[in-house]
Amino acid sequence: MSETKSIHVVIRGRVQGVFYRKWTQERARHHGIVGWVRNREDGAVEGVFSGPAEAVDALVAECRDGPPAARVEGIDITAADSVQGCDFEVTH
């Protein structure tokens, strides 16, 4: 059985107004990850990803590119508390 991993991410660059949150939700659900994603006032996108370590790492790798119109300049990653629930939400 896989180790569970929970992280907080802040994704910087051209990531708002380019379908980034919805794209992240779709990719997270594909990987079986729970958590959330939202826009920040500073133009970044942030979220919490929780699930099997391999799946979380795969999602982070995909987030480095993002959807076609995005331009990711960097991702800050810190440990997070485990997320309870069974879905991945876009919050406001």
N, C-alpha and C. Protein backbone atom coordinates (compact mmCIF):
# COMPACT_ATOMS: atom_id res chain seq x y z
N MET A 1 0.85 -1.19 0.00
CA MET A 1 0.00 0.00 0.00
C MET A 1 0.88 1.25 0.00
N SER A 2 0.46 2.24 -0.70
CA SER A 2 1.23 3.46 -0.87
C SER A 2 1.13 4.39 0.34
N GLU A 3 2.21 5.09 0.58
CA GLU A 3 2.25 6.11 1.62
C GLU A 3 1.37 7.29 1.19
N THR A 4 0.66 7.89 2.16
CA THR A 4 -0.16 9.06 1.88
C THR A 4 0.69 10.32 2.06
N LYS A 5 0.48 11.27 1.16
CA LYS A 5 1.24 12.53 1.17
C LYS A 5 0.26 13.68 1.07
N SER A 6 0.50 14.74 1.85
CA SER A 6 -0.32 15.94 1.79
C SER A 6 0.59 17.15 1.70
N ILE A 7 0.35 18.00 0.70
CA ILE A 7 1.19 19.18 0.50
C ILE A 7 0.34 20.40 0.21
N HIS A 8 0.90 21.56 0.52
CA HIS A 8 0.34 22.86 0.15
C HIS A 8 1.21 23.39 -0.98
N VAL A 9 0.58 23.82 -2.06
CA VAL A 9 1.33 24.34 -3.20
C VAL A 9 0.90 25.77 -3.50
N VAL A 10 1.86 26.58 -3.93
CA VAL A 10 1.59 27.91 -4.47
C VAL A 10 2.26 27.93 -5.84
N ILE A 11 1.44 28.12 -6.86
CA ILE A 11 1.90 28.07 -8.24
C ILE A 11 1.91 29.49 -8.79
N ARG A 12 3.08 29.93 -9.24
CA ARG A 12 3.26 31.31 -9.69
C ARG A 12 3.50 31.36 -11.20
N GLY A 13 3.12 32.48 -11.78
CA GLY A 13 3.30 32.69 -13.21
C GLY A 13 1.99 33.16 -13.82
N ARG A 14 1.80 32.86 -15.08
CA ARG A 14 0.52 33.18 -15.75
C ARG A 14 -0.40 31.99 -15.51
N VAL A 15 -1.09 32.03 -14.36
CA VAL A 15 -1.90 30.87 -13.94
C VAL A 15 -3.35 31.24 -13.63
N GLN A 16 -3.70 32.50 -13.73
CA GLN A 16 -5.09 32.90 -13.55
C GLN A 16 -5.64 33.34 -14.90
N GLY A 17 -6.91 32.99 -15.13
CA GLY A 17 -7.55 33.33 -16.40
C GLY A 17 -7.15 32.41 -17.54
N VAL A 18 -6.57 31.25 -17.20
CA VAL A 18 -6.13 30.31 -18.23
C VAL A 18 -6.64 28.90 -17.96
N PHE A 19 -7.75 28.79 -17.18
CA PHE A 19 -8.38 27.49 -16.91
C PHE A 19 -7.55 26.63 -15.94
N TYR A 20 -6.61 27.24 -15.20
CA TYR A 20 -5.70 26.47 -14.36
C TYR A 20 -6.41 25.73 -13.23
N ARG A 21 -7.33 26.38 -12.53
CA ARG A 21 -8.00 25.71 -11.40
C ARG A 21 -8.83 24.52 -11.87
N LYS A 22 -9.62 24.71 -12.90
CA LYS A 22 -10.46 23.61 -13.41
C LYS A 22 -9.59 22.47 -13.94
N TRP A 23 -8.53 22.82 -14.64
CA TRP A 23 -7.59 21.82 -15.15
C TRP A 23 -6.98 21.03 -13.99
N THR A 24 -6.57 21.73 -12.92
CA THR A 24 -6.00 21.06 -11.76
C THR A 24 -7.02 20.12 -11.13
N GLN A 25 -8.26 20.57 -11.01
CA GLN A 25 -9.31 19.72 -10.46
C GLN A 25 -9.46 18.44 -11.29
N GLU A 26 -9.49 18.58 -12.60
CA GLU A 26 -9.64 17.41 -13.47
C GLU A 26 -8.46 16.46 -13.31
N ARG A 27 -7.25 16.99 -13.26
CA ARG A 27 -6.06 16.14 -13.13
C ARG A 27 -6.02 15.48 -11.75
N ALA A 28 -6.40 16.22 -10.71
CA ALA A 28 -6.41 15.66 -9.35
C ALA A 28 -7.40 14.51 -9.27
N ARG A 29 -8.58 14.70 -9.80
CA ARG A 29 -9.58 13.64 -9.79
C ARG A 29 -9.08 12.42 -10.57
N HIS A 30 -8.42 12.65 -11.68
CA HIS A 30 -7.84 11.57 -12.47
C HIS A 30 -6.86 10.74 -11.62
N HIS A 31 -6.08 11.42 -10.80
CA HIS A 31 -5.06 10.75 -9.96
C HIS A 31 -5.61 10.24 -8.63
N GLY A 32 -6.89 10.51 -8.33
CA GLY A 32 -7.47 10.08 -7.06
C GLY A 32 -7.01 10.90 -5.87
N ILE A 33 -6.72 12.17 -6.10
CA ILE A 33 -6.25 13.09 -5.06
C ILE A 33 -7.42 13.90 -4.53
N VAL A 34 -7.46 14.12 -3.22
CA VAL A 34 -8.46 14.99 -2.60
C VAL A 34 -7.77 16.29 -2.20
N GLY A 35 -8.60 17.34 -2.03
CA GLY A 35 -8.06 18.63 -1.62
C GLY A 35 -8.81 19.76 -2.27
N TRP A 36 -8.08 20.84 -2.55
CA TRP A 36 -8.72 22.02 -3.11
C TRP A 36 -7.70 22.87 -3.86
N VAL A 37 -8.22 23.82 -4.67
CA VAL A 37 -7.40 24.77 -5.40
C VAL A 37 -8.18 26.08 -5.49
N ARG A 38 -7.46 27.21 -5.44
CA ARG A 38 -8.12 28.52 -5.54
C ARG A 38 -7.13 29.57 -6.05
N ASN A 39 -7.68 30.68 -6.55
CA ASN A 39 -6.88 31.84 -6.93
C ASN A 39 -6.50 32.63 -5.70
N ARG A 40 -5.33 33.25 -5.75
CA ARG A 40 -4.91 34.17 -4.69
C ARG A 40 -4.93 35.60 -5.23
N GLU A 41 -5.03 36.55 -4.33
CA GLU A 41 -5.06 37.96 -4.74
C GLU A 41 -3.76 38.40 -5.41
N ASP A 42 -2.64 37.73 -5.12
CA ASP A 42 -1.35 38.12 -5.70
C ASP A 42 -1.13 37.55 -7.10
N GLY A 43 -2.15 36.89 -7.67
CA GLY A 43 -2.04 36.36 -9.02
C GLY A 43 -1.61 34.91 -9.08
N ALA A 44 -1.25 34.32 -7.95
CA ALA A 44 -0.87 32.91 -7.90
C ALA A 44 -2.10 32.04 -7.72
N VAL A 45 -1.91 30.76 -7.86
CA VAL A 45 -2.92 29.75 -7.56
C VAL A 45 -2.36 28.92 -6.42
N GLU A 46 -3.20 28.60 -5.43
CA GLU A 46 -2.73 27.75 -4.33
C GLU A 46 -3.69 26.59 -4.13
N GLY A 47 -3.18 25.55 -3.50
CA GLY A 47 -4.03 24.40 -3.24
C GLY A 47 -3.40 23.45 -2.24
N VAL A 48 -4.18 22.47 -1.86
CA VAL A 48 -3.71 21.38 -1.03
C VAL A 48 -4.03 20.09 -1.76
N PHE A 49 -3.02 19.23 -1.91
CA PHE A 49 -3.16 17.94 -2.57
C PHE A 49 -2.90 16.86 -1.55
N SER A 50 -3.78 15.88 -1.45
CA SER A 50 -3.61 14.79 -0.49
C SER A 50 -4.00 13.47 -1.14
N GLY A 51 -3.12 12.49 -1.02
CA GLY A 51 -3.39 11.19 -1.61
C GLY A 51 -2.15 10.33 -1.62
N PRO A 52 -2.17 9.26 -2.39
CA PRO A 52 -0.98 8.42 -2.49
C PRO A 52 0.22 9.25 -2.96
N ALA A 53 1.37 9.04 -2.34
CA ALA A 53 2.55 9.86 -2.63
C ALA A 53 2.88 9.91 -4.11
N GLU A 54 2.79 8.77 -4.79
CA GLU A 54 3.12 8.74 -6.22
C GLU A 54 2.15 9.60 -7.03
N ALA A 55 0.87 9.59 -6.65
CA ALA A 55 -0.14 10.38 -7.35
C ALA A 55 0.07 11.87 -7.11
N VAL A 56 0.38 12.25 -5.87
CA VAL A 56 0.64 13.66 -5.55
C VAL A 56 1.86 14.14 -6.34
N ASP A 57 2.91 13.34 -6.36
CA ASP A 57 4.11 13.72 -7.12
C ASP A 57 3.81 13.85 -8.61
N ALA A 58 2.98 12.97 -9.14
CA ALA A 58 2.61 13.04 -10.56
C ALA A 58 1.83 14.31 -10.86
N LEU A 59 0.91 14.68 -9.95
CA LEU A 59 0.14 15.91 -10.16
C LEU A 59 1.04 17.14 -10.11
N VAL A 60 1.96 17.17 -9.17
CA VAL A 60 2.89 18.30 -9.09
C VAL A 60 3.70 18.40 -10.38
N ALA A 61 4.16 17.28 -10.90
CA ALA A 61 4.92 17.29 -12.15
C ALA A 61 4.07 17.88 -13.29
N GLU A 62 2.80 17.51 -13.35
CA GLU A 62 1.91 18.06 -14.38
C GLU A 62 1.67 19.55 -14.16
N CYS A 63 1.58 19.97 -12.91
CA CYS A 63 1.33 21.38 -12.59
C CYS A 63 2.49 22.27 -13.00
N ARG A 64 3.67 21.71 -13.16
CA ARG A 64 4.83 22.52 -13.60
C ARG A 64 4.62 23.05 -15.02
N ASP A 65 3.78 22.38 -15.80
CA ASP A 65 3.42 22.86 -17.14
C ASP A 65 2.04 23.49 -17.14
N GLY A 66 1.07 22.84 -16.51
CA GLY A 66 -0.29 23.35 -16.45
C GLY A 66 -1.01 23.20 -17.78
N PRO A 67 -2.18 23.84 -17.90
CA PRO A 67 -2.94 23.79 -19.15
C PRO A 67 -2.21 24.57 -20.24
N PRO A 68 -2.62 24.40 -21.50
CA PRO A 68 -1.89 25.00 -22.61
C PRO A 68 -1.62 26.50 -22.52
N ALA A 69 -2.56 27.30 -22.02
CA ALA A 69 -2.38 28.75 -22.00
C ALA A 69 -1.57 29.25 -20.80
N ALA A 70 -1.25 28.37 -19.86
CA ALA A 70 -0.52 28.78 -18.65
C ALA A 70 0.98 28.91 -18.93
N ARG A 71 1.63 29.70 -18.09
CA ARG A 71 3.09 29.80 -18.09
C ARG A 71 3.53 29.76 -16.63
N VAL A 72 3.92 28.60 -16.16
CA VAL A 72 4.30 28.42 -14.77
C VAL A 72 5.74 28.86 -14.58
N GLU A 73 5.95 29.76 -13.62
CA GLU A 73 7.29 30.25 -13.33
C GLU A 73 7.90 29.55 -12.12
N GLY A 74 7.07 28.96 -11.27
CA GLY A 74 7.60 28.25 -10.11
C GLY A 74 6.49 27.72 -9.24
N ILE A 75 6.84 26.71 -8.45
CA ILE A 75 5.90 26.11 -7.50
C ILE A 75 6.58 26.00 -6.15
N ASP A 76 5.97 26.59 -5.13
CA ASP A 76 6.44 26.45 -3.76
C ASP A 76 5.65 25.33 -3.11
N ILE A 77 6.34 24.41 -2.47
CA ILE A 77 5.70 23.24 -1.87
C ILE A 77 6.09 23.14 -0.40
N THR A 78 5.09 23.00 0.47
CA THR A 78 5.32 22.76 1.89
C THR A 78 4.41 21.63 2.35
N ALA A 79 4.77 21.01 3.45
CA ALA A 79 3.94 19.94 4.01
C ALA A 79 2.61 20.52 4.48
N ALA A 80 1.57 19.71 4.43
CA ALA A 80 0.23 20.13 4.86
C ALA A 80 -0.41 19.03 5.69
N ASP A 81 -1.42 19.39 6.46
CA ASP A 81 -2.21 18.39 7.17
C ASP A 81 -3.03 17.61 6.15
N SER A 82 -3.28 16.37 6.46
CA SER A 82 -4.09 15.51 5.61
C SER A 82 -5.48 16.12 5.40
N VAL A 83 -6.00 15.97 4.20
CA VAL A 83 -7.32 16.48 3.86
C VAL A 83 -8.35 15.38 4.06
N GLN A 84 -9.42 15.71 4.74
CA GLN A 84 -10.51 14.76 4.90
C GLN A 84 -11.51 14.97 3.77
N GLY A 85 -12.13 13.92 3.33
CA GLY A 85 -13.12 14.03 2.28
C GLY A 85 -12.82 13.08 1.15
N CYS A 86 -13.59 13.22 0.09
CA CYS A 86 -13.44 12.28 -1.02
C CYS A 86 -13.44 12.97 -2.38
N ASP A 87 -13.22 14.30 -2.41
CA ASP A 87 -13.27 15.01 -3.67
C ASP A 87 -12.19 16.08 -3.72
N PHE A 88 -12.04 16.68 -4.88
CA PHE A 88 -11.11 17.78 -5.08
C PHE A 88 -11.93 18.97 -5.55
N GLU A 89 -11.90 20.05 -4.81
CA GLU A 89 -12.78 21.20 -5.06
C GLU A 89 -12.02 22.43 -5.56
N VAL A 90 -12.69 23.20 -6.39
CA VAL A 90 -12.24 24.54 -6.74
C VAL A 90 -12.96 25.47 -5.77
N THR A 91 -12.20 26.23 -4.97
CA THR A 91 -12.79 27.15 -4.01
C THR A 91 -12.52 28.58 -4.44
N HIS A 92 -13.20 29.51 -3.79
CA HIS A 92 -13.06 30.93 -4.16
C HIS A 92 -12.51 31.72 -3.01
